[in-house]
mmCIF file of all heavy atoms, coordinates in Angstrom:
data_MODEL
# 
_entry.id   MODEL 
# 
loop_
_atom_site.group_PDB 
_atom_site.id 
_atom_site.type_symbol 
_atom_site.label_atom_id 
_atom_site.label_alt_id 
_atom_site.label_comp_id 
_atom_site.label_asym_id 
_atom_site.label_entity_id 
_atom_site.label_seq_id 
_atom_site.pdbx_PDB_ins_code 
_atom_site.Cartn_x 
_atom_site.Cartn_y 
_atom_site.Cartn_z 
_atom_site.occupancy 
_atom_site.B_iso_or_equiv 
_atom_site.pdbx_formal_charge 
_atom_site.auth_seq_id 
_atom_site.auth_comp_id 
_atom_site.auth_asym_id 
_atom_site.auth_atom_id 
_atom_site.pdbx_PDB_model_num 
ATOM 1   N N   . LEU A 1 1  ? -7.634  38.658 -107.416 1.00 0.00 ? 1  LEU A N   1 
ATOM 2   C CA  . LEU A 1 1  ? -6.173  38.566 -107.487 1.00 0.00 ? 1  LEU A CA  1 
ATOM 3   C C   . LEU A 1 1  ? -5.546  39.347 -106.337 1.00 0.00 ? 1  LEU A C   1 
ATOM 4   O O   . LEU A 1 1  ? -5.920  40.494 -106.093 1.00 0.00 ? 1  LEU A O   1 
ATOM 5   C CB  . LEU A 1 1  ? -5.670  39.135 -108.817 1.00 0.00 ? 1  LEU A CB  1 
ATOM 6   C CG  . LEU A 1 1  ? -6.234  38.497 -110.089 1.00 0.00 ? 1  LEU A CG  1 
ATOM 7   C CD1 . LEU A 1 1  ? -5.731  39.245 -111.314 1.00 0.00 ? 1  LEU A CD1 1 
ATOM 8   C CD2 . LEU A 1 1  ? -5.885  37.026 -110.164 1.00 0.00 ? 1  LEU A CD2 1 
ATOM 9   N N   . GLY A 1 2  ? -4.608  38.734 -105.666 1.00 0.00 ? 2  GLY A N   1 
ATOM 10  C CA  . GLY A 1 2  ? -3.923  39.399 -104.571 1.00 0.00 ? 2  GLY A CA  1 
ATOM 11  C C   . GLY A 1 2  ? -2.697  38.602 -104.163 1.00 0.00 ? 2  GLY A C   1 
ATOM 12  O O   . GLY A 1 2  ? -2.448  37.505 -104.679 1.00 0.00 ? 2  GLY A O   1 
ATOM 13  N N   . ALA A 1 3  ? -1.956  39.149 -103.226 1.00 0.00 ? 3  ALA A N   1 
ATOM 14  C CA  . ALA A 1 3  ? -0.768  38.463 -102.718 1.00 0.00 ? 3  ALA A CA  1 
ATOM 15  C C   . ALA A 1 3  ? -0.623  38.753 -101.231 1.00 0.00 ? 3  ALA A C   1 
ATOM 16  O O   . ALA A 1 3  ? -0.479  39.906 -100.827 1.00 0.00 ? 3  ALA A O   1 
ATOM 17  C CB  . ALA A 1 3  ? 0.480   38.922 -103.467 1.00 0.00 ? 3  ALA A CB  1 
ATOM 18  N N   . VAL A 1 4  ? -0.692  37.687 -100.442 1.00 0.00 ? 4  VAL A N   1 
ATOM 19  C CA  . VAL A 1 4  ? -0.497  37.790 -99.005  1.00 0.00 ? 4  VAL A CA  1 
ATOM 20  C C   . VAL A 1 4  ? 0.771   36.998 -98.691  1.00 0.00 ? 4  VAL A C   1 
ATOM 21  O O   . VAL A 1 4  ? 0.818   35.783 -98.911  1.00 0.00 ? 4  VAL A O   1 
ATOM 22  C CB  . VAL A 1 4  ? -1.693  37.222 -98.214  1.00 0.00 ? 4  VAL A CB  1 
ATOM 23  C CG1 . VAL A 1 4  ? -1.520  37.473 -96.724  1.00 0.00 ? 4  VAL A CG1 1 
ATOM 24  C CG2 . VAL A 1 4  ? -3.001  37.822 -98.708  1.00 0.00 ? 4  VAL A CG2 1 
ATOM 25  N N   . ILE A 1 5  ? 1.780   37.712 -98.220  1.00 0.00 ? 5  ILE A N   1 
ATOM 26  C CA  . ILE A 1 5  ? 3.080   37.095 -97.954  1.00 0.00 ? 5  ILE A CA  1 
ATOM 27  C C   . ILE A 1 5  ? 3.292   37.024 -96.448  1.00 0.00 ? 5  ILE A C   1 
ATOM 28  O O   . ILE A 1 5  ? 3.173   38.037 -95.750  1.00 0.00 ? 5  ILE A O   1 
ATOM 29  C CB  . ILE A 1 5  ? 4.215   37.891 -98.641  1.00 0.00 ? 5  ILE A CB  1 
ATOM 30  C CG1 . ILE A 1 5  ? 3.943   37.967 -100.159 1.00 0.00 ? 5  ILE A CG1 1 
ATOM 31  C CG2 . ILE A 1 5  ? 5.568   37.252 -98.345  1.00 0.00 ? 5  ILE A CG2 1 
ATOM 32  C CD1 . ILE A 1 5  ? 4.869   38.898 -100.916 1.00 0.00 ? 5  ILE A CD1 1 
ATOM 33  N N   . ARG A 1 6  ? 3.600   35.823 -95.969  1.00 0.00 ? 6  ARG A N   1 
ATOM 34  C CA  . ARG A 1 6  ? 3.765   35.599 -94.529  1.00 0.00 ? 6  ARG A CA  1 
ATOM 35  C C   . ARG A 1 6  ? 4.883   36.486 -93.964  1.00 0.00 ? 6  ARG A C   1 
ATOM 36  O O   . ARG A 1 6  ? 5.927   36.644 -94.568  1.00 0.00 ? 6  ARG A O   1 
ATOM 37  C CB  . ARG A 1 6  ? 4.089   34.138 -94.248  1.00 0.00 ? 6  ARG A CB  1 
ATOM 38  C CG  . ARG A 1 6  ? 4.103   33.806 -92.768  1.00 0.00 ? 6  ARG A CG  1 
ATOM 39  C CD  . ARG A 1 6  ? 4.436   32.351 -92.499  1.00 0.00 ? 6  ARG A CD  1 
ATOM 40  N NE  . ARG A 1 6  ? 3.520   31.429 -93.146  1.00 0.00 ? 6  ARG A NE  1 
ATOM 41  C CZ  . ARG A 1 6  ? 2.334   31.081 -92.648  1.00 0.00 ? 6  ARG A CZ  1 
ATOM 42  N NH1 . ARG A 1 6  ? 1.912   31.598 -91.511  1.00 0.00 ? 6  ARG A NH1 1 
ATOM 43  N NH2 . ARG A 1 6  ? 1.568   30.219 -93.291  1.00 0.00 ? 6  ARG A NH2 1 
ATOM 44  N N   . GLY A 1 7  ? 4.604   37.059 -92.821  1.00 0.00 ? 7  GLY A N   1 
ATOM 45  C CA  . GLY A 1 7  ? 5.599   37.853 -92.107  1.00 0.00 ? 7  GLY A CA  1 
ATOM 46  C C   . GLY A 1 7  ? 5.870   37.213 -90.760  1.00 0.00 ? 7  GLY A C   1 
ATOM 47  O O   . GLY A 1 7  ? 5.603   36.025 -90.549  1.00 0.00 ? 7  GLY A O   1 
ATOM 48  N N   . SER A 1 8  ? 6.346   37.995 -89.824  1.00 0.00 ? 8  SER A N   1 
ATOM 49  C CA  . SER A 1 8  ? 6.716   37.456 -88.515  1.00 0.00 ? 8  SER A CA  1 
ATOM 50  C C   . SER A 1 8  ? 5.597   37.577 -87.477  1.00 0.00 ? 8  SER A C   1 
ATOM 51  O O   . SER A 1 8  ? 5.795   37.266 -86.313  1.00 0.00 ? 8  SER A O   1 
ATOM 52  C CB  . SER A 1 8  ? 7.975   38.168 -88.009  1.00 0.00 ? 8  SER A CB  1 
ATOM 53  O OG  . SER A 1 8  ? 7.736   39.561 -87.935  1.00 0.00 ? 8  SER A OG  1 
ATOM 54  N N   . THR A 1 9  ? 4.412   38.031 -87.909  1.00 0.00 ? 9  THR A N   1 
ATOM 55  C CA  . THR A 1 9  ? 3.281   38.169 -86.990  1.00 0.00 ? 9  THR A CA  1 
ATOM 56  C C   . THR A 1 9  ? 2.098   37.346 -87.513  1.00 0.00 ? 9  THR A C   1 
ATOM 57  O O   . THR A 1 9  ? 2.111   36.903 -88.665  1.00 0.00 ? 9  THR A O   1 
ATOM 58  C CB  . THR A 1 9  ? 2.842   39.651 -86.876  1.00 0.00 ? 9  THR A CB  1 
ATOM 59  O OG1 . THR A 1 9  ? 2.278   40.056 -88.127  1.00 0.00 ? 9  THR A OG1 1 
ATOM 60  C CG2 . THR A 1 9  ? 4.010   40.550 -86.502  1.00 0.00 ? 9  THR A CG2 1 
ATOM 61  N N   . PRO A 1 10 ? 1.058   37.163 -86.701  1.00 0.00 ? 10 PRO A N   1 
ATOM 62  C CA  . PRO A 1 10 ? -0.115  36.397 -87.149  1.00 0.00 ? 10 PRO A CA  1 
ATOM 63  C C   . PRO A 1 10 ? -0.984  37.117 -88.179  1.00 0.00 ? 10 PRO A C   1 
ATOM 64  O O   . PRO A 1 10 ? -1.979  36.561 -88.624  1.00 0.00 ? 10 PRO A O   1 
ATOM 65  C CB  . PRO A 1 10 ? -0.921  36.164 -85.863  1.00 0.00 ? 10 PRO A CB  1 
ATOM 66  C CG  . PRO A 1 10 ? -0.114  36.666 -84.739  1.00 0.00 ? 10 PRO A CG  1 
ATOM 67  C CD  . PRO A 1 10 ? 1.009   37.491 -85.287  1.00 0.00 ? 10 PRO A CD  1 
ATOM 68  N N   . HIS A 1 11 ? -0.616  38.318 -88.556  1.00 0.00 ? 11 HIS A N   1 
ATOM 69  C CA  . HIS A 1 11 ? -1.386  39.113 -89.514  1.00 0.00 ? 11 HIS A CA  1 
ATOM 70  C C   . HIS A 1 11 ? -1.711  38.307 -90.781  1.00 0.00 ? 11 HIS A C   1 
ATOM 71  O O   . HIS A 1 11 ? -2.819  38.388 -91.313  1.00 0.00 ? 11 HIS A O   1 
ATOM 72  C CB  . HIS A 1 11 ? -0.595  40.381 -89.866  1.00 0.00 ? 11 HIS A CB  1 
ATOM 73  C CG  . HIS A 1 11 ? -1.322  41.333 -90.755  1.00 0.00 ? 11 HIS A CG  1 
ATOM 74  N ND1 . HIS A 1 11 ? -2.371  42.105 -90.331  1.00 0.00 ? 11 HIS A ND1 1 
ATOM 75  C CD2 . HIS A 1 11 ? -1.140  41.636 -92.065  1.00 0.00 ? 11 HIS A CD2 1 
ATOM 76  C CE1 . HIS A 1 11 ? -2.808  42.851 -91.326  1.00 0.00 ? 11 HIS A CE1 1 
ATOM 77  N NE2 . HIS A 1 11 ? -2.077  42.576 -92.392  1.00 0.00 ? 11 HIS A NE2 1 
ATOM 78  N N   . PHE A 1 12 ? -0.764  37.525 -91.262  1.00 0.00 ? 12 PHE A N   1 
ATOM 79  C CA  . PHE A 1 12 ? -0.930  36.711 -92.466  1.00 0.00 ? 12 PHE A CA  1 
ATOM 80  C C   . PHE A 1 12 ? -2.173  35.826 -92.376  1.00 0.00 ? 12 PHE A C   1 
ATOM 81  O O   . PHE A 1 12 ? -2.976  35.777 -93.299  1.00 0.00 ? 12 PHE A O   1 
ATOM 82  C CB  . PHE A 1 12 ? 0.320   35.841 -92.671  1.00 0.00 ? 12 PHE A CB  1 
ATOM 83  C CG  . PHE A 1 12 ? 0.186   34.799 -93.746  1.00 0.00 ? 12 PHE A CG  1 
ATOM 84  C CD1 . PHE A 1 12 ? 0.525   35.097 -95.059  1.00 0.00 ? 12 PHE A CD1 1 
ATOM 85  C CD2 . PHE A 1 12 ? -0.245  33.512 -93.452  1.00 0.00 ? 12 PHE A CD2 1 
ATOM 86  C CE1 . PHE A 1 12 ? 0.415   34.133 -96.056  1.00 0.00 ? 12 PHE A CE1 1 
ATOM 87  C CE2 . PHE A 1 12 ? -0.354  32.552 -94.432  1.00 0.00 ? 12 PHE A CE2 1 
ATOM 88  C CZ  . PHE A 1 12 ? -0.021  32.862 -95.741  1.00 0.00 ? 12 PHE A CZ  1 
ATOM 89  N N   . GLU A 1 13 ? -2.317  35.120 -91.258  1.00 0.00 ? 13 GLU A N   1 
ATOM 90  C CA  . GLU A 1 13 ? -3.440  34.189 -91.098  1.00 0.00 ? 13 GLU A CA  1 
ATOM 91  C C   . GLU A 1 13 ? -4.782  34.922 -91.151  1.00 0.00 ? 13 GLU A C   1 
ATOM 92  O O   . GLU A 1 13 ? -5.730  34.444 -91.767  1.00 0.00 ? 13 GLU A O   1 
ATOM 93  C CB  . GLU A 1 13 ? -3.335  33.394 -89.795  1.00 0.00 ? 13 GLU A CB  1 
ATOM 94  C CG  . GLU A 1 13 ? -2.359  32.232 -89.853  1.00 0.00 ? 13 GLU A CG  1 
ATOM 95  C CD  . GLU A 1 13 ? -0.905  32.640 -89.657  1.00 0.00 ? 13 GLU A CD  1 
ATOM 96  O OE1 . GLU A 1 13 ? -0.651  33.801 -89.236  1.00 0.00 ? 13 GLU A OE1 1 
ATOM 97  O OE2 . GLU A 1 13 ? -0.032  31.815 -89.941  1.00 0.00 ? 13 GLU A OE2 1 
ATOM 98  N N   . TYR A 1 14 ? -4.854  36.069 -90.508  1.00 0.00 ? 14 TYR A N   1 
ATOM 99  C CA  . TYR A 1 14 ? -6.106  36.828 -90.495  1.00 0.00 ? 14 TYR A CA  1 
ATOM 100 C C   . TYR A 1 14 ? -6.470  37.315 -91.895  1.00 0.00 ? 14 TYR A C   1 
ATOM 101 O O   . TYR A 1 14 ? -7.611  37.155 -92.340  1.00 0.00 ? 14 TYR A O   1 
ATOM 102 C CB  . TYR A 1 14 ? -6.025  38.017 -89.540  1.00 0.00 ? 14 TYR A CB  1 
ATOM 103 C CG  . TYR A 1 14 ? -5.836  37.612 -88.099  1.00 0.00 ? 14 TYR A CG  1 
ATOM 104 C CD1 . TYR A 1 14 ? -4.684  37.941 -87.415  1.00 0.00 ? 14 TYR A CD1 1 
ATOM 105 C CD2 . TYR A 1 14 ? -6.819  36.876 -87.435  1.00 0.00 ? 14 TYR A CD2 1 
ATOM 106 C CE1 . TYR A 1 14 ? -4.512  37.557 -86.090  1.00 0.00 ? 14 TYR A CE1 1 
ATOM 107 C CE2 . TYR A 1 14 ? -6.656  36.488 -86.118  1.00 0.00 ? 14 TYR A CE2 1 
ATOM 108 C CZ  . TYR A 1 14 ? -5.495  36.827 -85.449  1.00 0.00 ? 14 TYR A CZ  1 
ATOM 109 O OH  . TYR A 1 14 ? -5.317  36.440 -84.152  1.00 0.00 ? 14 TYR A OH  1 
ATOM 110 N N   . VAL A 1 15 ? -5.531  37.918 -92.567  1.00 0.00 ? 15 VAL A N   1 
ATOM 111 C CA  . VAL A 1 15 ? -5.809  38.475 -93.888  1.00 0.00 ? 15 VAL A CA  1 
ATOM 112 C C   . VAL A 1 15 ? -6.124  37.362 -94.886  1.00 0.00 ? 15 VAL A C   1 
ATOM 113 O O   . VAL A 1 15 ? -7.133  37.419 -95.594  1.00 0.00 ? 15 VAL A O   1 
ATOM 114 C CB  . VAL A 1 15 ? -4.630  39.344 -94.389  1.00 0.00 ? 15 VAL A CB  1 
ATOM 115 C CG1 . VAL A 1 15 ? -4.838  39.764 -95.837  1.00 0.00 ? 15 VAL A CG1 1 
ATOM 116 C CG2 . VAL A 1 15 ? -4.460  40.561 -93.504  1.00 0.00 ? 15 VAL A CG2 1 
ATOM 117 N N   . ALA A 1 16 ? -5.282  36.341 -94.942  1.00 0.00 ? 16 ALA A N   1 
ATOM 118 C CA  . ALA A 1 16 ? -5.494  35.256 -95.900  1.00 0.00 ? 16 ALA A CA  1 
ATOM 119 C C   . ALA A 1 16 ? -6.804  34.519 -95.624  1.00 0.00 ? 16 ALA A C   1 
ATOM 120 O O   . ALA A 1 16 ? -7.581  34.239 -96.547  1.00 0.00 ? 16 ALA A O   1 
ATOM 121 C CB  . ALA A 1 16 ? -4.320  34.283 -95.867  1.00 0.00 ? 16 ALA A CB  1 
ATOM 122 N N   . GLY A 1 17 ? -7.065  34.235 -94.363  1.00 0.00 ? 17 GLY A N   1 
ATOM 123 C CA  . GLY A 1 17 ? -8.276  33.500 -94.002  1.00 0.00 ? 17 GLY A CA  1 
ATOM 124 C C   . GLY A 1 17 ? -9.546  34.266 -94.300  1.00 0.00 ? 17 GLY A C   1 
ATOM 125 O O   . GLY A 1 17 ? -10.505 33.720 -94.869  1.00 0.00 ? 17 GLY A O   1 
ATOM 126 N N   . GLU A 1 18 ? -9.578  35.530 -93.919  1.00 0.00 ? 18 GLU A N   1 
ATOM 127 C CA  . GLU A 1 18 ? -10.780 36.338 -94.166  1.00 0.00 ? 18 GLU A CA  1 
ATOM 128 C C   . GLU A 1 18 ? -10.997 36.591 -95.651  1.00 0.00 ? 18 GLU A C   1 
ATOM 129 O O   . GLU A 1 18 ? -12.140 36.621 -96.115  1.00 0.00 ? 18 GLU A O   1 
ATOM 130 C CB  . GLU A 1 18 ? -10.713 37.656 -93.393  1.00 0.00 ? 18 GLU A CB  1 
ATOM 131 C CG  . GLU A 1 18 ? -10.813 37.474 -91.890  1.00 0.00 ? 18 GLU A CG  1 
ATOM 132 C CD  . GLU A 1 18 ? -12.067 36.723 -91.458  1.00 0.00 ? 18 GLU A CD  1 
ATOM 133 O OE1 . GLU A 1 18 ? -13.176 37.077 -91.916  1.00 0.00 ? 18 GLU A OE1 1 
ATOM 134 O OE2 . GLU A 1 18 ? -11.944 35.777 -90.672  1.00 0.00 ? 18 GLU A OE2 1 
ATOM 135 N N   . CYS A 1 19 ? -9.925  36.758 -96.389  1.00 0.00 ? 19 CYS A N   1 
ATOM 136 C CA  . CYS A 1 19 ? -10.044 36.949 -97.830  1.00 0.00 ? 19 CYS A CA  1 
ATOM 137 C C   . CYS A 1 19 ? -10.658 35.705 -98.471  1.00 0.00 ? 19 CYS A C   1 
ATOM 138 O O   . CYS A 1 19 ? -11.634 35.803 -99.231  1.00 0.00 ? 19 CYS A O   1 
ATOM 139 C CB  . CYS A 1 19 ? -8.663  37.246 -98.425  1.00 0.00 ? 19 CYS A CB  1 
ATOM 140 S SG  . CYS A 1 19 ? -8.667  37.452 -100.220 1.00 0.00 ? 19 CYS A SG  1 
ATOM 141 N N   . ALA A 1 20 ? -10.115 34.545 -98.153  1.00 0.00 ? 20 ALA A N   1 
ATOM 142 C CA  . ALA A 1 20 ? -10.617 33.297 -98.734  1.00 0.00 ? 20 ALA A CA  1 
ATOM 143 C C   . ALA A 1 20 ? -12.066 33.043 -98.337  1.00 0.00 ? 20 ALA A C   1 
ATOM 144 O O   . ALA A 1 20 ? -12.905 32.692 -99.173  1.00 0.00 ? 20 ALA A O   1 
ATOM 145 C CB  . ALA A 1 20 ? -9.732  32.128 -98.311  1.00 0.00 ? 20 ALA A CB  1 
ATOM 146 N N   . LYS A 1 21 ? -12.362 33.238 -97.055  1.00 0.00 ? 21 LYS A N   1 
ATOM 147 C CA  . LYS A 1 21 ? -13.724 33.004 -96.582  1.00 0.00 ? 21 LYS A CA  1 
ATOM 148 C C   . LYS A 1 21 ? -14.712 33.968 -97.245  1.00 0.00 ? 21 LYS A C   1 
ATOM 149 O O   . LYS A 1 21 ? -15.791 33.567 -97.674  1.00 0.00 ? 21 LYS A O   1 
ATOM 150 C CB  . LYS A 1 21 ? -13.771 33.152 -95.060  1.00 0.00 ? 21 LYS A CB  1 
ATOM 151 C CG  . LYS A 1 21 ? -15.134 32.842 -94.458  1.00 0.00 ? 21 LYS A CG  1 
ATOM 152 C CD  . LYS A 1 21 ? -15.113 32.740 -92.946  1.00 0.00 ? 21 LYS A CD  1 
ATOM 153 C CE  . LYS A 1 21 ? -14.585 33.981 -92.301  1.00 0.00 ? 21 LYS A CE  1 
ATOM 154 N NZ  . LYS A 1 21 ? -14.690 33.959 -90.822  1.00 0.00 ? 21 LYS A NZ  1 
ATOM 155 N N   . GLY A 1 22 ? -14.339 35.228 -97.336  1.00 0.00 ? 22 GLY A N   1 
ATOM 156 C CA  . GLY A 1 22 ? -15.221 36.226 -97.943  1.00 0.00 ? 22 GLY A CA  1 
ATOM 157 C C   . GLY A 1 22 ? -15.484 35.954 -99.412  1.00 0.00 ? 22 GLY A C   1 
ATOM 158 O O   . GLY A 1 22 ? -16.624 36.072 -99.881  1.00 0.00 ? 22 GLY A O   1 
ATOM 159 N N   . ILE A 1 23 ? -14.468 35.568 -100.140 1.00 0.00 ? 23 ILE A N   1 
ATOM 160 C CA  . ILE A 1 23 ? -14.628 35.263 -101.560 1.00 0.00 ? 23 ILE A CA  1 
ATOM 161 C C   . ILE A 1 23 ? -15.554 34.063 -101.742 1.00 0.00 ? 23 ILE A C   1 
ATOM 162 O O   . ILE A 1 23 ? -16.442 34.064 -102.592 1.00 0.00 ? 23 ILE A O   1 
ATOM 163 C CB  . ILE A 1 23 ? -13.258 35.037 -102.224 1.00 0.00 ? 23 ILE A CB  1 
ATOM 164 C CG1 . ILE A 1 23 ? -12.504 36.378 -102.329 1.00 0.00 ? 23 ILE A CG1 1 
ATOM 165 C CG2 . ILE A 1 23 ? -13.402 34.381 -103.592 1.00 0.00 ? 23 ILE A CG2 1 
ATOM 166 C CD1 . ILE A 1 23 ? -11.056 36.240 -102.721 1.00 0.00 ? 23 ILE A CD1 1 
ATOM 167 N N   . ALA A 1 24 ? -15.371 33.037 -100.917 1.00 0.00 ? 24 ALA A N   1 
ATOM 168 C CA  . ALA A 1 24 ? -16.237 31.852 -101.001 1.00 0.00 ? 24 ALA A CA  1 
ATOM 169 C C   . ALA A 1 24 ? -17.688 32.218 -100.695 1.00 0.00 ? 24 ALA A C   1 
ATOM 170 O O   . ALA A 1 24 ? -18.614 31.738 -101.358 1.00 0.00 ? 24 ALA A O   1 
ATOM 171 C CB  . ALA A 1 24 ? -15.739 30.774 -100.043 1.00 0.00 ? 24 ALA A CB  1 
ATOM 172 N N   . GLN A 1 25 ? -17.902 33.081 -99.709  1.00 0.00 ? 25 GLN A N   1 
ATOM 173 C CA  . GLN A 1 25 ? -19.266 33.492 -99.366  1.00 0.00 ? 25 GLN A CA  1 
ATOM 174 C C   . GLN A 1 25 ? -19.934 34.224 -100.520 1.00 0.00 ? 25 GLN A C   1 
ATOM 175 O O   . GLN A 1 25 ? -21.113 34.000 -100.805 1.00 0.00 ? 25 GLN A O   1 
ATOM 176 C CB  . GLN A 1 25 ? -19.255 34.380 -98.114  1.00 0.00 ? 25 GLN A CB  1 
ATOM 177 C CG  . GLN A 1 25 ? -18.993 33.621 -96.843  1.00 0.00 ? 25 GLN A CG  1 
ATOM 178 C CD  . GLN A 1 25 ? -18.860 34.544 -95.633  1.00 0.00 ? 25 GLN A CD  1 
ATOM 179 O OE1 . GLN A 1 25 ? -18.674 35.750 -95.764  1.00 0.00 ? 25 GLN A OE1 1 
ATOM 180 N NE2 . GLN A 1 25 ? -18.940 33.958 -94.453  1.00 0.00 ? 25 GLN A NE2 1 
# 
C-alpha cells in the first residue's frame, strides 16, 4: 500500500515505476 502523487518533476515516474517493478519481481 502506498501513494505516489505526480508533481512537477520526473520524480513520480521513477518512484512509481521502480515500486511497481520491484513488487512484481
